[in-house]
């Protein structure tokens, strides 16, 4: 005998929810890491070969002005992704807990039946 079909279906649904939450958590983490990579790329030195010292200074100033604004924007986006990730982490933990409880209930039921 395969046990209570309602418990089995509920466990299958809990596993599907856990998989969906885990996938969403991974997607958000990947988006956050991509933003961090963009931020790190702004720190790479920019070559200014063949320019006069005055032109090099102007190019550097223009780049740093733009890069500062871009860093601020990226930091805001990273903070938003981090908050979103933390929210989804809580949801994923709850889904994991539900799946674990249902698996234990199924195991207890099997043990009680003597399977």
N, C-alpha and C. Protein backbone atom coordinates (compact mmCIF):
# COMPACT_ATOMS: atom_id res chain seq x y z
N UNK A 1 0.83 -1.18 0.00
CA UNK A 1 0.00 0.00 0.00
C UNK A 1 0.89 1.25 0.00
N UNK A 2 0.46 2.29 -0.66
CA UNK A 2 1.30 3.47 -0.84
C UNK A 2 1.04 4.57 0.18
N UNK A 3 0.19 4.35 1.15
CA UNK A 3 -0.05 5.36 2.17
C UNK A 3 -1.16 6.31 1.77
N UNK A 4 -1.32 7.33 2.56
CA UNK A 4 -2.37 8.33 2.35
C UNK A 4 -2.07 9.13 1.08
N UNK A 5 -2.93 9.05 0.08
CA UNK A 5 -2.67 9.78 -1.18
C UNK A 5 -2.69 11.30 -0.98
N UNK A 6 -3.48 11.77 -0.01
CA UNK A 6 -3.51 13.23 0.24
C UNK A 6 -2.17 13.70 0.78
N UNK A 7 -1.58 12.91 1.68
CA UNK A 7 -0.28 13.27 2.24
C UNK A 7 0.80 13.23 1.16
N UNK A 8 0.72 12.23 0.29
CA UNK A 8 1.68 12.12 -0.81
C UNK A 8 1.57 13.32 -1.75
N UNK A 9 0.34 13.69 -2.12
CA UNK A 9 0.13 14.84 -3.02
C UNK A 9 0.60 16.13 -2.36
N UNK A 10 0.29 16.27 -1.07
CA UNK A 10 0.70 17.47 -0.35
C UNK A 10 2.22 17.56 -0.30
N UNK A 11 2.87 16.43 -0.08
CA UNK A 11 4.34 16.40 -0.07
C UNK A 11 4.91 16.75 -1.44
N UNK A 12 4.31 16.23 -2.50
CA UNK A 12 4.76 16.56 -3.86
C UNK A 12 4.60 18.04 -4.15
N UNK A 13 3.49 18.61 -3.70
CA UNK A 13 3.26 20.04 -3.91
C UNK A 13 4.27 20.87 -3.12
N UNK A 14 4.57 20.44 -1.89
CA UNK A 14 5.55 21.16 -1.07
C UNK A 14 6.92 21.10 -1.74
N UNK A 15 7.27 19.96 -2.34
CA UNK A 15 8.54 19.84 -3.04
C UNK A 15 8.59 20.77 -4.26
N UNK A 16 7.47 20.87 -4.97
CA UNK A 16 7.44 21.77 -6.13
C UNK A 16 7.59 23.22 -5.71
N UNK A 17 6.93 23.59 -4.61
CA UNK A 17 7.04 24.96 -4.09
C UNK A 17 8.49 25.23 -3.69
N UNK A 18 9.11 24.27 -3.01
CA UNK A 18 10.51 24.42 -2.60
C UNK A 18 11.41 24.61 -3.82
N UNK A 19 11.21 23.81 -4.84
CA UNK A 19 12.03 23.94 -6.06
C UNK A 19 11.83 25.31 -6.70
N UNK A 20 10.59 25.78 -6.76
CA UNK A 20 10.32 27.09 -7.36
C UNK A 20 10.96 28.21 -6.54
N UNK A 21 10.84 28.13 -5.22
CA UNK A 21 11.43 29.16 -4.36
C UNK A 21 12.96 29.14 -4.48
N UNK A 22 13.53 27.95 -4.51
CA UNK A 22 14.99 27.83 -4.63
C UNK A 22 15.47 28.40 -5.96
N UNK A 23 14.75 28.14 -7.03
CA UNK A 23 15.12 28.67 -8.34
C UNK A 23 15.05 30.19 -8.34
N UNK A 24 14.01 30.75 -7.73
CA UNK A 24 13.87 32.20 -7.67
C UNK A 24 14.99 32.81 -6.83
N UNK A 25 15.34 32.16 -5.73
CA UNK A 25 16.43 32.64 -4.88
C UNK A 25 17.74 32.65 -5.66
N UNK A 26 17.98 31.62 -6.44
CA UNK A 26 19.20 31.55 -7.26
C UNK A 26 19.21 32.63 -8.33
N UNK A 27 18.06 32.89 -8.93
CA UNK A 27 17.96 33.92 -9.96
C UNK A 27 18.28 35.30 -9.37
N UNK A 28 17.74 35.57 -8.21
CA UNK A 28 17.98 36.87 -7.56
C UNK A 28 19.45 37.00 -7.17
N UNK A 29 20.03 35.93 -6.65
CA UNK A 29 21.45 35.96 -6.27
C UNK A 29 22.33 36.20 -7.49
N UNK A 30 21.99 35.58 -8.61
CA UNK A 30 22.77 35.78 -9.83
C UNK A 30 22.66 37.23 -10.31
N UNK A 31 21.48 37.81 -10.23
CA UNK A 31 21.30 39.21 -10.62
C UNK A 31 22.11 40.13 -9.72
N UNK A 32 22.10 39.84 -8.43
CA UNK A 32 22.88 40.64 -7.47
C UNK A 32 24.38 40.54 -7.76
N UNK A 33 24.86 39.34 -8.06
CA UNK A 33 26.27 39.14 -8.36
C UNK A 33 26.67 39.83 -9.66
N UNK A 34 25.77 39.86 -10.63
CA UNK A 34 26.06 40.56 -11.88
C UNK A 34 26.22 42.06 -11.63
N UNK A 35 25.38 42.60 -10.75
CA UNK A 35 25.52 44.02 -10.40
C UNK A 35 26.83 44.29 -9.67
N UNK A 36 27.21 43.38 -8.79
CA UNK A 36 28.49 43.53 -8.09
C UNK A 36 29.66 43.48 -9.07
N UNK A 37 29.55 42.65 -10.09
CA UNK A 37 30.61 42.58 -11.10
C UNK A 37 30.70 43.88 -11.88
N UNK A 38 29.54 44.48 -12.18
CA UNK A 38 29.55 45.78 -12.86
C UNK A 38 30.22 46.84 -11.99
N UNK A 39 29.93 46.79 -10.71
CA UNK A 39 30.53 47.74 -9.78
C UNK A 39 32.04 47.55 -9.72
N UNK A 40 32.49 46.32 -9.66
CA UNK A 40 33.93 46.04 -9.62
C UNK A 40 34.61 46.48 -10.91
N UNK A 41 33.92 46.36 -12.03
CA UNK A 41 34.50 46.75 -13.32
C UNK A 41 34.77 48.25 -13.38
N UNK A 42 34.04 49.02 -12.62
CA UNK A 42 34.27 50.47 -12.61
C UNK A 42 35.60 50.82 -11.97
N UNK A 43 36.14 49.92 -11.18
CA UNK A 43 37.41 50.18 -10.49
C UNK A 43 38.63 49.90 -11.37
N UNK A 44 38.44 49.21 -12.47
CA UNK A 44 39.56 48.88 -13.36
C UNK A 44 40.17 50.15 -13.93
N UNK A 45 41.49 50.22 -13.99
CA UNK A 45 42.14 51.43 -14.53
C UNK A 45 41.85 51.59 -16.02
N UNK A 46 41.70 52.81 -16.43
CA UNK A 46 41.42 53.13 -17.83
C UNK A 46 42.68 53.70 -18.47
N UNK A 47 43.19 53.07 -19.49
CA UNK A 47 44.41 53.59 -20.13
C UNK A 47 44.11 54.90 -20.88
N UNK A 48 45.03 55.79 -20.80
CA UNK A 48 44.91 57.07 -21.51
C UNK A 48 46.22 57.33 -22.24
N UNK A 49 46.61 56.39 -23.06
CA UNK A 49 47.90 56.50 -23.77
C UNK A 49 47.81 57.53 -24.90
N UNK A 50 48.89 58.20 -25.09
CA UNK A 50 49.00 59.12 -26.22
C UNK A 50 48.32 60.46 -26.01
N UNK A 51 47.84 60.73 -24.83
CA UNK A 51 47.18 62.01 -24.57
C UNK A 51 48.12 62.91 -23.79
N UNK A 52 47.88 64.19 -23.95
CA UNK A 52 48.67 65.15 -23.17
C UNK A 52 48.24 65.05 -21.71
N UNK A 53 49.06 65.51 -20.81
CA UNK A 53 48.68 65.45 -19.39
C UNK A 53 47.35 66.17 -19.09
N UNK A 54 47.13 67.28 -19.77
CA UNK A 54 45.87 68.01 -19.56
C UNK A 54 44.68 67.20 -20.07
N UNK A 55 44.83 66.58 -21.24
CA UNK A 55 43.75 65.76 -21.80
C UNK A 55 43.51 64.53 -20.93
N UNK A 56 44.60 63.94 -20.44
CA UNK A 56 44.48 62.78 -19.56
C UNK A 56 43.72 63.16 -18.29
N UNK A 57 44.02 64.30 -17.73
CA UNK A 57 43.34 64.76 -16.52
C UNK A 57 41.86 65.00 -16.79
N UNK A 58 41.55 65.59 -17.94
CA UNK A 58 40.15 65.86 -18.30
C UNK A 58 39.38 64.56 -18.49
N UNK A 59 40.00 63.61 -19.20
CA UNK A 59 39.35 62.31 -19.42
C UNK A 59 39.13 61.60 -18.09
N UNK A 60 40.13 61.63 -17.23
CA UNK A 60 40.02 61.00 -15.91
C UNK A 60 38.91 61.64 -15.09
N UNK A 61 38.86 62.97 -15.12
CA UNK A 61 37.82 63.68 -14.36
C UNK A 61 36.43 63.32 -14.88
N UNK A 62 36.26 63.35 -16.20
CA UNK A 62 34.97 63.00 -16.79
C UNK A 62 34.56 61.57 -16.44
N UNK A 63 35.53 60.66 -16.53
CA UNK A 63 35.23 59.26 -16.22
C UNK A 63 34.85 59.12 -14.76
N UNK A 64 35.59 59.73 -13.85
CA UNK A 64 35.29 59.59 -12.42
C UNK A 64 33.95 60.22 -12.07
N UNK A 65 33.60 61.31 -12.75
CA UNK A 65 32.29 61.93 -12.52
C UNK A 65 31.19 60.95 -12.92
N UNK A 66 31.31 60.38 -14.10
CA UNK A 66 30.32 59.39 -14.56
C UNK A 66 30.34 58.15 -13.67
N UNK A 67 31.53 57.65 -13.34
CA UNK A 67 31.65 56.42 -12.56
C UNK A 67 31.07 56.60 -11.16
N UNK A 68 31.21 57.77 -10.58
CA UNK A 68 30.65 58.02 -9.24
C UNK A 68 29.13 57.91 -9.27
N UNK A 69 28.52 58.51 -10.28
CA UNK A 69 27.05 58.40 -10.41
C UNK A 69 26.64 56.96 -10.65
N UNK A 70 27.40 56.27 -11.49
CA UNK A 70 27.09 54.87 -11.79
C UNK A 70 27.26 53.99 -10.55
N UNK A 71 28.29 54.23 -9.76
CA UNK A 71 28.49 53.48 -8.52
C UNK A 71 27.31 53.66 -7.58
N UNK A 72 26.86 54.89 -7.46
CA UNK A 72 25.71 55.17 -6.58
C UNK A 72 24.47 54.41 -7.07
N UNK A 73 24.23 54.44 -8.37
CA UNK A 73 23.08 53.72 -8.93
C UNK A 73 23.22 52.21 -8.69
N UNK A 74 24.40 51.68 -8.94
CA UNK A 74 24.62 50.24 -8.75
C UNK A 74 24.48 49.84 -7.29
N UNK A 75 24.98 50.67 -6.39
CA UNK A 75 24.85 50.35 -4.97
C UNK A 75 23.39 50.32 -4.53
N UNK A 76 22.57 51.21 -5.07
CA UNK A 76 21.13 51.18 -4.78
C UNK A 76 20.50 49.90 -5.32
N UNK A 77 20.86 49.52 -6.52
CA UNK A 77 20.32 48.29 -7.12
C UNK A 77 20.78 47.05 -6.34
N UNK A 78 22.03 47.05 -5.92
CA UNK A 78 22.54 45.92 -5.14
C UNK A 78 21.79 45.81 -3.81
N UNK A 79 21.56 46.94 -3.17
CA UNK A 79 20.83 46.93 -1.90
C UNK A 79 19.40 46.41 -2.10
N UNK A 80 18.77 46.79 -3.20
CA UNK A 80 17.41 46.31 -3.48
C UNK A 80 17.42 44.80 -3.73
N UNK A 81 18.41 44.33 -4.49
CA UNK A 81 18.51 42.88 -4.76
C UNK A 81 18.79 42.11 -3.47
N UNK A 82 19.61 42.70 -2.59
CA UNK A 82 19.91 42.04 -1.32
C UNK A 82 18.64 41.93 -0.47
N UNK A 83 17.85 42.98 -0.41
CA UNK A 83 16.59 42.94 0.35
C UNK A 83 15.64 41.91 -0.25
N UNK A 84 15.56 41.88 -1.57
CA UNK A 84 14.71 40.90 -2.24
C UNK A 84 15.20 39.48 -1.96
N UNK A 85 16.52 39.29 -1.99
CA UNK A 85 17.10 37.97 -1.72
C UNK A 85 16.78 37.53 -0.29
N UNK A 86 16.90 38.44 0.67
CA UNK A 86 16.60 38.10 2.06
C UNK A 86 15.13 37.71 2.24
N UNK A 87 14.24 38.42 1.57
CA UNK A 87 12.82 38.09 1.63
C UNK A 87 12.58 36.69 1.06
N UNK A 88 13.17 36.43 -0.09
CA UNK A 88 13.00 35.11 -0.72
C UNK A 88 13.70 34.01 0.07
N UNK A 89 14.77 34.36 0.77
CA UNK A 89 15.44 33.38 1.61
C UNK A 89 14.49 32.90 2.71
N UNK A 90 13.78 33.83 3.33
CA UNK A 90 12.80 33.45 4.35
C UNK A 90 11.71 32.55 3.77
N UNK A 91 11.21 32.90 2.59
CA UNK A 91 10.18 32.09 1.95
C UNK A 91 10.70 30.71 1.59
N UNK A 92 11.95 30.64 1.14
CA UNK A 92 12.55 29.36 0.79
C UNK A 92 12.76 28.51 2.04
N UNK A 93 13.15 29.13 3.11
CA UNK A 93 13.31 28.39 4.37
C UNK A 93 11.99 27.80 4.84
N UNK A 94 10.92 28.58 4.74
CA UNK A 94 9.60 28.07 5.12
C UNK A 94 9.19 26.90 4.23
N UNK A 95 9.44 27.04 2.92
CA UNK A 95 9.10 25.96 2.00
C UNK A 95 9.91 24.71 2.31
N UNK A 96 11.18 24.89 2.65
CA UNK A 96 12.03 23.76 3.02
C UNK A 96 11.49 23.08 4.29
N UNK A 97 11.12 23.89 5.27
CA UNK A 97 10.57 23.34 6.51
C UNK A 97 9.30 22.54 6.26
N UNK A 98 8.41 23.07 5.44
CA UNK A 98 7.17 22.35 5.11
C UNK A 98 7.48 21.02 4.43
N UNK A 99 8.38 21.05 3.48
CA UNK A 99 8.73 19.82 2.76
C UNK A 99 9.33 18.79 3.71
N UNK A 100 10.17 19.24 4.63
CA UNK A 100 10.79 18.32 5.59
C UNK A 100 9.75 17.71 6.52
N UNK A 101 8.82 18.51 7.01
CA UNK A 101 7.78 18.00 7.90
C UNK A 101 6.94 16.95 7.18
N UNK A 102 6.57 17.23 5.95
CA UNK A 102 5.75 16.28 5.20
C UNK A 102 6.52 15.00 4.90
N UNK A 103 7.79 15.11 4.61
CA UNK A 103 8.60 13.91 4.40
C UNK A 103 8.67 13.08 5.68
N UNK A 104 8.81 13.73 6.80
CA UNK A 104 8.86 13.00 8.08
C UNK A 104 7.52 12.35 8.38
N UNK A 105 6.43 13.04 8.08
CA UNK A 105 5.10 12.45 8.28
C UNK A 105 4.93 11.20 7.41
N UNK A 106 5.38 11.29 6.17
CA UNK A 106 5.30 10.12 5.29
C UNK A 106 6.15 8.98 5.82
N UNK A 107 7.35 9.29 6.30
CA UNK A 107 8.24 8.24 6.83
C UNK A 107 7.62 7.61 8.07
N UNK A 108 7.03 8.42 8.93
CA UNK A 108 6.38 7.90 10.13
C UNK A 108 5.20 7.00 9.75
N UNK A 109 4.45 7.42 8.75
CA UNK A 109 3.31 6.62 8.29
C UNK A 109 3.78 5.28 7.73
N UNK A 110 4.85 5.31 6.94
CA UNK A 110 5.40 4.06 6.38
C UNK A 110 5.89 3.14 7.50
N UNK A 111 6.56 3.74 8.48
CA UNK A 111 7.09 2.94 9.58
C UNK A 111 5.94 2.33 10.39
N UNK A 112 4.88 3.08 10.56
CA UNK A 112 3.73 2.59 11.31
C UNK A 112 3.06 1.43 10.57
N UNK A 113 3.04 1.51 9.24
CA UNK A 113 2.45 0.44 8.43
C UNK A 113 3.39 -0.75 8.33
N UNK A 114 4.68 -0.53 8.59
CA UNK A 114 5.65 -1.61 8.50
C UNK A 114 6.26 -1.77 7.13
N UNK A 115 6.24 -0.73 6.30
CA UNK A 115 6.85 -0.80 4.95
C UNK A 115 8.35 -0.80 5.03
